[in-house]
Amino acid sequence: MGYRPCGVYHQNYRQDHAWWQTHFVRGKMILLFITLYYLLPKIAGLYLISVANVIGYTILSAMGVQLLIGYCGQVTLGHAAFLAVGAYTSTLLMLQLNLPYPITLVLGGITGGLWCVLFGLPSARVKGFYLIMSTMAAQFITVEFFITQYVSQIGGRGVAFSIPPGTVKIGPWSIQSELEVYYLMVTLVVLCTFMMANLL
């Protein structure tokens, strides 16, 4: 009945690798889903919802770092540069070409991955401290020489990258408010957590 019952041993692979191994853990996860999807949006103000959005999208970014460093053992200090390339690509495709958000999400991921390969292939020949330095170089080259220069040429982030409400659409669902951004964030965090757990 408790957290992990004493004397209960797993008899097969499915029991050993189940996500929710006890009724207590299953109950906690159900309570977490109810809190995230129903209770928190009802009791929190817009400020707390906006803070939750920042935290949630930071969690998504940290999952990519966890996959690279925690699971694969590769050290990187330039992960934010690759995230920025994907994010800017997705935003520009939505604003300039009016592509739907799910398509720009995939294309942004592909672009960030290709940019990662551009720096990753030379970095594969070094190790240790030099690998860390090469990922730092990727961060500075990407942010300082490309993104900052490009953004300054087009008038700043507020001019070119402010996404009007309703631009992000998933099928018939148009995201208009901070609360809808929150629901999108929670859904993405849950899906990515399931995918990461499956990889593990």
C-alpha atoms as a PDB file:
ATOM      1  CA  MET A   1       0.000   0.000   0.000  1.00  0.00           C
ATOM      2  CA  GLY A   2       2.924   2.365   0.650  1.00  0.00           C
ATOM      3  CA  TYR A   3       5.431   3.975  -1.615  1.00  0.00           C
ATOM      4  CA  ARG A   4       7.234   0.768  -2.666  1.00  0.00           C
ATOM      5  CA  PRO A   5       5.754  -2.250  -0.829  1.00  0.00           C
ATOM      6  CA  CYS A   6       8.335  -4.336   1.015  1.00  0.00           C
ATOM      7  CA  GLY A   7       8.626  -7.899  -0.223  1.00  0.00           C
ATOM      8  CA  VAL A   8       6.966  -7.281  -3.596  1.00  0.00           C
ATOM      9  CA  TYR A   9       9.270  -8.286  -6.421  1.00  0.00           C
ATOM     10  CA  HIS A  10       8.785  -7.861 -10.132  1.00  0.00           C
ATOM     11  CA  GLN A  11       8.138 -11.107 -11.942  1.00  0.00           C
ATOM     12  CA  ASN A  12       8.596  -9.945 -15.519  1.00  0.00           C
ATOM     13  CA  TYR A  13      10.073  -7.207 -17.696  1.00  0.00           C
ATOM     14  CA  ARG A  14       6.802  -5.264 -17.993  1.00  0.00           C
ATOM     15  CA  GLN A  15       6.462  -4.941 -14.193  1.00  0.00           C
ATOM     16  CA  ASP A  16      10.092  -3.923 -13.823  1.00  0.00           C
ATOM     17  CA  HIS A  17       9.859  -1.150 -16.415  1.00  0.00           C
ATOM     18  CA  ALA A  18       6.345   0.098 -15.757  1.00  0.00           C
ATOM     19  CA  TRP A  19       6.116   3.872 -15.368  1.00  0.00           C
ATOM     20  CA  TRP A  20       3.570   3.736 -12.549  1.00  0.00           C
ATOM     21  CA  GLN A  21       4.540   0.687 -10.512  1.00  0.00           C
ATOM     22  CA  THR A  22       2.215   1.161  -7.536  1.00  0.00           C
ATOM     23  CA  HIS A  23      -1.280   2.508  -6.959  1.00  0.00           C
ATOM     24  CA  PHE A  24       0.238   5.353  -4.930  1.00  0.00           C
ATOM     25  CA  VAL A  25       2.402   6.508  -7.841  1.00  0.00           C
ATOM     26  CA  ARG A  26      -0.528   6.110 -10.244  1.00  0.00           C
ATOM     27  CA  GLY A  27      -2.677   8.267  -7.965  1.00  0.00           C
ATOM     28  CA  LYS A  28       0.025  10.938  -7.768  1.00  0.00           C
ATOM     29  CA  MET A  29       0.302  11.091 -11.547  1.00  0.00           C
ATOM     30  CA  ILE A  30      -3.471  11.389 -11.983  1.00  0.00           C
ATOM     31  CA  LEU A  31      -3.486  14.187  -9.391  1.00  0.00           C
ATOM     32  CA  LEU A  32      -0.633  15.902 -11.269  1.00  0.00           C
ATOM     33  CA  PHE A  33      -2.561  15.785 -14.570  1.00  0.00           C
ATOM     34  CA  ILE A  34      -5.701  17.158 -12.897  1.00  0.00           C
ATOM     35  CA  THR A  35      -3.650  19.963 -11.324  1.00  0.00           C
ATOM     36  CA  LEU A  36      -1.880  20.894 -14.560  1.00  0.00           C
ATOM     37  CA  TYR A  37      -4.886  20.778 -16.863  1.00  0.00           C
ATOM     38  CA  TYR A  38      -7.729  21.882 -14.601  1.00  0.00           C
ATOM     39  CA  LEU A  39      -6.834  23.316 -11.192  1.00  0.00           C
ATOM     40  CA  LEU A  40      -3.804  25.503 -11.966  1.00  0.00           C
ATOM     41  CA  PRO A  41      -5.427  27.420 -14.868  1.00  0.00           C
ATOM     42  CA  LYS A  42      -8.501  28.054 -12.669  1.00  0.00           C
ATOM     43  CA  ILE A  43      -6.695  29.405  -9.593  1.00  0.00           C
ATOM     44  CA  ALA A  44      -3.617  31.075 -11.103  1.00  0.00           C
ATOM     45  CA  GLY A  45      -3.589  34.582 -12.553  1.00  0.00           C
ATOM     46  CA  LEU A  46      -2.157  35.543 -15.906  1.00  0.00           C
ATOM     47  CA  TYR A  47       1.205  36.388 -14.354  1.00  0.00           C
ATOM     48  CA  LEU A  48       1.606  32.910 -12.851  1.00  0.00           C
ATOM     49  CA  ILE A  49       0.455  31.354 -16.126  1.00  0.00           C
ATOM     50  CA  SER A  50       3.118  33.324 -18.021  1.00  0.00           C
ATOM     51  CA  VAL A  51       5.752  32.206 -15.488  1.00  0.00           C
ATOM     52  CA  ALA A  52       4.566  28.608 -15.915  1.00  0.00           C
ATOM     53  CA  ASN A  53       4.940  28.996 -19.698  1.00  0.00           C
ATOM     54  CA  VAL A  54       8.552  30.128 -19.338  1.00  0.00           C
ATOM     55  CA  ILE A  55       9.260  27.219 -16.978  1.00  0.00           C
ATOM     56  CA  GLY A  56       7.579  24.719 -19.300  1.00  0.00           C
ATOM     57  CA  TYR A  57       9.458  25.767 -22.417  1.00  0.00           C
ATOM     58  CA  THR A  58      12.682  25.769 -20.396  1.00  0.00           C
ATOM     59  CA  ILE A  59      11.870  22.171 -19.415  1.00  0.00           C
ATOM     60  CA  LEU A  60      11.564  21.308 -23.110  1.00  0.00           C
ATOM     61  CA  SER A  61      14.969  22.864 -23.766  1.00  0.00           C
ATOM     62  CA  ALA A  62      16.488  21.019 -20.818  1.00  0.00           C
ATOM     63  CA  MET A  63      15.173  17.725 -22.168  1.00  0.00           C
ATOM     64  CA  GLY A  64      17.316  18.172 -25.269  1.00  0.00           C
ATOM     65  CA  VAL A  65      20.376  18.810 -23.102  1.00  0.00           C
ATOM     66  CA  GLN A  66      19.482  15.780 -20.958  1.00  0.00           C
ATOM     67  CA  LEU A  67      19.257  13.609 -24.054  1.00  0.00           C
ATOM     68  CA  LEU A  68      22.676  14.740 -25.269  1.00  0.00           C
ATOM     69  CA  ILE A  69      24.607  14.944 -22.001  1.00  0.00           C
ATOM     70  CA  GLY A  70      22.712  12.641 -19.650  1.00  0.00           C
ATOM     71  CA  TYR A  71      21.891   9.758 -21.990  1.00  0.00           C
ATOM     72  CA  CYS A  72      24.582  10.017 -24.686  1.00  0.00           C
ATOM     73  CA  GLY A  73      27.448  11.336 -22.536  1.00  0.00           C
ATOM     74  CA  GLN A  74      28.399  14.144 -24.934  1.00  0.00           C
ATOM     75  CA  VAL A  75      29.308  17.452 -23.303  1.00  0.00           C
ATOM     76  CA  THR A  76      27.921  20.613 -24.873  1.00  0.00           C
ATOM     77  CA  LEU A  77      27.816  24.242 -23.852  1.00  0.00           C
ATOM     78  CA  GLY A  78      26.300  25.478 -27.112  1.00  0.00           C
ATOM     79  CA  HIS A  79      22.906  23.852 -27.001  1.00  0.00           C
ATOM     80  CA  ALA A  80      21.063  27.179 -26.790  1.00  0.00           C
ATOM     81  CA  ALA A  81      22.460  28.159 -30.206  1.00  0.00           C
ATOM     82  CA  PHE A  82      20.870  25.147 -31.887  1.00  0.00           C
ATOM     83  CA  LEU A  83      17.590  25.787 -30.086  1.00  0.00           C
ATOM     84  CA  ALA A  84      17.703  29.406 -31.275  1.00  0.00           C
ATOM     85  CA  VAL A  85      18.245  28.377 -34.906  1.00  0.00           C
ATOM     86  CA  GLY A  86      15.235  26.070 -34.752  1.00  0.00           C
ATOM     87  CA  ALA A  87      13.075  28.657 -32.991  1.00  0.00           C
ATOM     88  CA  TYR A  88      13.945  31.469 -35.400  1.00  0.00           C
ATOM     89  CA  THR A  89      13.365  29.173 -38.378  1.00  0.00           C
ATOM     90  CA  SER A  90       9.944  28.158 -37.099  1.00  0.00           C
ATOM     91  CA  THR A  91       8.975  31.775 -36.389  1.00  0.00           C
ATOM     92  CA  LEU A  92      10.146  33.092 -39.765  1.00  0.00           C
ATOM     93  CA  LEU A  93       8.320  30.337 -41.638  1.00  0.00           C
ATOM     94  CA  MET A  94       5.098  31.194 -39.804  1.00  0.00           C
ATOM     95  CA  LEU A  95       5.413  34.950 -40.222  1.00  0.00           C
ATOM     96  CA  GLN A  96       6.865  35.141 -43.724  1.00  0.00           C
ATOM     97  CA  LEU A  97       5.428  32.090 -45.494  1.00  0.00           C
ATOM     98  CA  ASN A  98       2.250  31.584 -43.403  1.00  0.00           C
ATOM     99  CA  LEU A  99       3.004  27.903 -42.919  1.00  0.00           C
ATOM    100  CA  PRO A 100       1.035  26.037 -40.216  1.00  0.00           C
ATOM    101  CA  TYR A 101       2.696  25.680 -36.810  1.00  0.00           C
ATOM    102  CA  PRO A 102       3.109  21.852 -36.831  1.00  0.00           C
ATOM    103  CA  ILE A 103       4.975  22.040 -40.159  1.00  0.00           C
ATOM    104  CA  THR A 104       7.204  24.899 -38.986  1.00  0.00           C
ATOM    105  CA  LEU A 105       7.895  22.958 -35.777  1.00  0.00           C
ATOM    106  CA  VAL A 106       9.227  20.005 -37.786  1.00  0.00           C
ATOM    107  CA  LEU A 107      11.169  22.222 -40.215  1.00  0.00           C
ATOM    108  CA  GLY A 108      12.665  24.187 -37.309  1.00  0.00           C
ATOM    109  CA  GLY A 109      13.821  20.932 -35.720  1.00  0.00           C
ATOM    110  CA  ILE A 110      15.373  19.765 -39.003  1.00  0.00           C
ATOM    111  CA  THR A 111      17.135  23.123 -39.484  1.00  0.00           C
ATOM    112  CA  GLY A 112      18.467  23.091 -35.923  1.00  0.00           C
ATOM    113  CA  GLY A 113      19.636  19.508 -36.443  1.00  0.00           C
ATOM    114  CA  LEU A 114      21.450  20.370 -39.679  1.00  0.00           C
ATOM    115  CA  TRP A 115      23.082  23.358 -37.981  1.00  0.00           C
ATOM    116  CA  CYS A 116      24.121  20.984 -35.204  1.00  0.00           C
ATOM    117  CA  VAL A 117      25.678  18.621 -37.762  1.00  0.00           C
ATOM    118  CA  LEU A 118      27.646  21.535 -39.238  1.00  0.00           C
ATOM    119  CA  PHE A 119      29.419  22.009 -35.908  1.00  0.00           C
ATOM    120  CA  GLY A 120      29.154  18.403 -34.753  1.00  0.00           C
ATOM    121  CA  LEU A 121      31.203  16.791 -37.499  1.00  0.00           C
ATOM    122  CA  PRO A 122      34.378  18.811 -36.785  1.00  0.00           C
ATOM    123  CA  SER A 123      33.772  18.373 -33.046  1.00  0.00           C
ATOM    124  CA  ALA A 124      33.719  14.594 -33.468  1.00  0.00           C
ATOM    125  CA  ARG A 125      37.496  14.655 -33.999  1.00  0.00           C
ATOM    126  CA  VAL A 126      38.260  16.235 -30.637  1.00  0.00           C
ATOM    127  CA  LYS A 127      37.465  15.192 -27.074  1.00  0.00           C
ATOM    128  CA  GLY A 128      37.574  16.380 -23.503  1.00  0.00           C
ATOM    129  CA  PHE A 129      38.264  20.067 -22.965  1.00  0.00           C
ATOM    130  CA  TYR A 130      38.526  20.731 -26.705  1.00  0.00           C
ATOM    131  CA  LEU A 131      35.053  19.310 -27.298  1.00  0.00           C
ATOM    132  CA  ILE A 132      33.684  21.731 -24.717  1.00  0.00           C
ATOM    133  CA  MET A 133      35.506  24.633 -26.391  1.00  0.00           C
ATOM    134  CA  SER A 134      34.180  23.695 -29.835  1.00  0.00           C
ATOM    135  CA  THR A 135      30.588  23.705 -28.545  1.00  0.00           C
ATOM    136  CA  MET A 136      31.212  27.104 -26.934  1.00  0.00           C
ATOM    137  CA  ALA A 137      32.511  28.312 -30.302  1.00  0.00           C
ATOM    138  CA  ALA A 138      29.274  27.117 -31.894  1.00  0.00           C
ATOM    139  CA  GLN A 139      27.333  29.156 -29.336  1.00  0.00           C
ATOM    140  CA  PHE A 140      29.289  32.373 -29.957  1.00  0.00           C
ATOM    141  CA  ILE A 141      29.402  32.007 -33.746  1.00  0.00           C
ATOM    142  CA  THR A 142      25.693  31.277 -34.014  1.00  0.00           C
ATOM    143  CA  VAL A 143      24.402  33.891 -31.568  1.00  0.00           C
ATOM    144  CA  GLU A 144      26.890  36.744 -32.007  1.00  0.00           C
ATOM    145  CA  PHE A 145      27.740  36.521 -35.708  1.00  0.00           C
ATOM    146  CA  PHE A 146      24.514  35.236 -37.235  1.00  0.00           C
ATOM    147  CA  ILE A 147      21.450  35.767 -35.069  1.00  0.00           C
ATOM    148  CA  THR A 148      22.425  39.087 -33.462  1.00  0.00           C
ATOM    149  CA  GLN A 149      23.638  40.582 -36.741  1.00  0.00           C
ATOM    150  CA  TYR A 150      20.561  39.409 -38.610  1.00  0.00           C
ATOM    151  CA  VAL A 151      18.175  40.668 -35.942  1.00  0.00           C
ATOM    152  CA  SER A 152      19.914  44.047 -35.807  1.00  0.00           C
ATOM    153  CA  GLN A 153      19.635  44.392 -39.589  1.00  0.00           C
ATOM    154  CA  ILE A 154      15.879  43.789 -39.639  1.00  0.00           C
ATOM    155  CA  GLY A 155      15.036  46.153 -36.800  1.00  0.00           C
ATOM    156  CA  GLY A 156      15.156  44.061 -33.629  1.00  0.00           C
ATOM    157  CA  ARG A 157      13.308  41.124 -32.148  1.00  0.00           C
ATOM    158  CA  GLY A 158      10.215  43.142 -31.284  1.00  0.00           C
ATOM    159  CA  VAL A 159       9.757  44.174 -34.923  1.00  0.00           C
ATOM    160  CA  ALA A 160      10.345  40.932 -36.768  1.00  0.00           C
ATOM    161  CA  PHE A 161       9.613  38.198 -34.240  1.00  0.00           C
ATOM    162  CA  SER A 162       6.547  39.384 -32.337  1.00  0.00           C
ATOM    163  CA  ILE A 163       3.960  36.755 -33.199  1.00  0.00           C
ATOM    164  CA  PRO A 164       0.444  38.238 -33.326  1.00  0.00           C
ATOM    165  CA  PRO A 165      -2.302  36.325 -31.472  1.00  0.00           C
ATOM    166  CA  GLY A 166      -3.870  33.717 -33.704  1.00  0.00           C
ATOM    167  CA  THR A 167      -0.751  33.147 -35.832  1.00  0.00           C
ATOM    168  CA  VAL A 168       0.007  29.812 -34.180  1.00  0.00           C
ATOM    169  CA  LYS A 169      -2.623  27.327 -35.353  1.00  0.00           C
ATOM    170  CA  ILE A 170      -2.900  23.594 -34.880  1.00  0.00           C
ATOM    171  CA  GLY A 171      -5.642  22.417 -37.183  1.00  0.00           C
ATOM    172  CA  PRO A 172      -8.797  24.386 -36.294  1.00  0.00           C
ATOM    173  CA  TRP A 173      -7.338  25.436 -32.917  1.00  0.00           C
ATOM    174  CA  SER A 174      -5.987  29.003 -33.012  1.00  0.00           C
ATOM    175  CA  ILE A 175      -3.865  30.054 -30.042  1.00  0.00           C
ATOM    176  CA  GLN A 176      -5.043  33.497 -28.984  1.00  0.00           C
ATOM    177  CA  SER A 177      -4.238  33.888 -25.281  1.00  0.00           C
ATOM    178  CA  GLU A 178      -1.588  33.150 -22.679  1.00  0.00           C
ATOM    179  CA  LEU A 179      -3.817  30.417 -21.259  1.00  0.00           C
ATOM    180  CA  GLU A 180      -3.946  28.628 -24.603  1.00  0.00           C
ATOM    181  CA  VAL A 181      -0.149  28.899 -24.815  1.00  0.00           C
ATOM    182  CA  TYR A 182      -0.081  27.238 -21.382  1.00  0.00           C
ATOM    183  CA  TYR A 183      -2.212  24.306 -22.557  1.00  0.00           C
ATOM    184  CA  LEU A 184       0.027  23.879 -25.606  1.00  0.00           C
ATOM    185  CA  MET A 185       3.106  23.962 -23.371  1.00  0.00           C
ATOM    186  CA  VAL A 186       1.740  21.344 -20.962  1.00  0.00           C
ATOM    187  CA  THR A 187       0.781  19.068 -23.858  1.00  0.00           C
ATOM    188  CA  LEU A 188       4.248  19.365 -25.424  1.00  0.00           C
ATOM    189  CA  VAL A 189       5.979  18.726 -22.074  1.00  0.00           C
ATOM    190  CA  VAL A 190       3.863  15.613 -21.440  1.00  0.00           C
ATOM    191  CA  LEU A 191       4.440  14.242 -24.962  1.00  0.00           C
ATOM    192  CA  CYS A 192       8.192  14.896 -24.854  1.00  0.00           C
ATOM    193  CA  THR A 193       8.430  13.345 -21.379  1.00  0.00           C
ATOM    194  CA  PHE A 194       6.747  10.185 -22.674  1.00  0.00           C
ATOM    195  CA  MET A 195       9.100  10.087 -25.674  1.00  0.00           C
ATOM    196  CA  MET A 196      12.173  10.577 -23.470  1.00  0.00           C
ATOM    197  CA  ALA A 197      11.005   7.867 -21.072  1.00  0.00           C
ATOM    198  CA  ASN A 198      10.481   5.545 -24.027  1.00  0.00           C
ATOM    199  CA  LEU A 199      14.007   6.247 -25.281  1.00  0.00           C
ATOM    200  CA  LEU A 200      15.404   5.575 -21.811  1.00  0.00           C
END
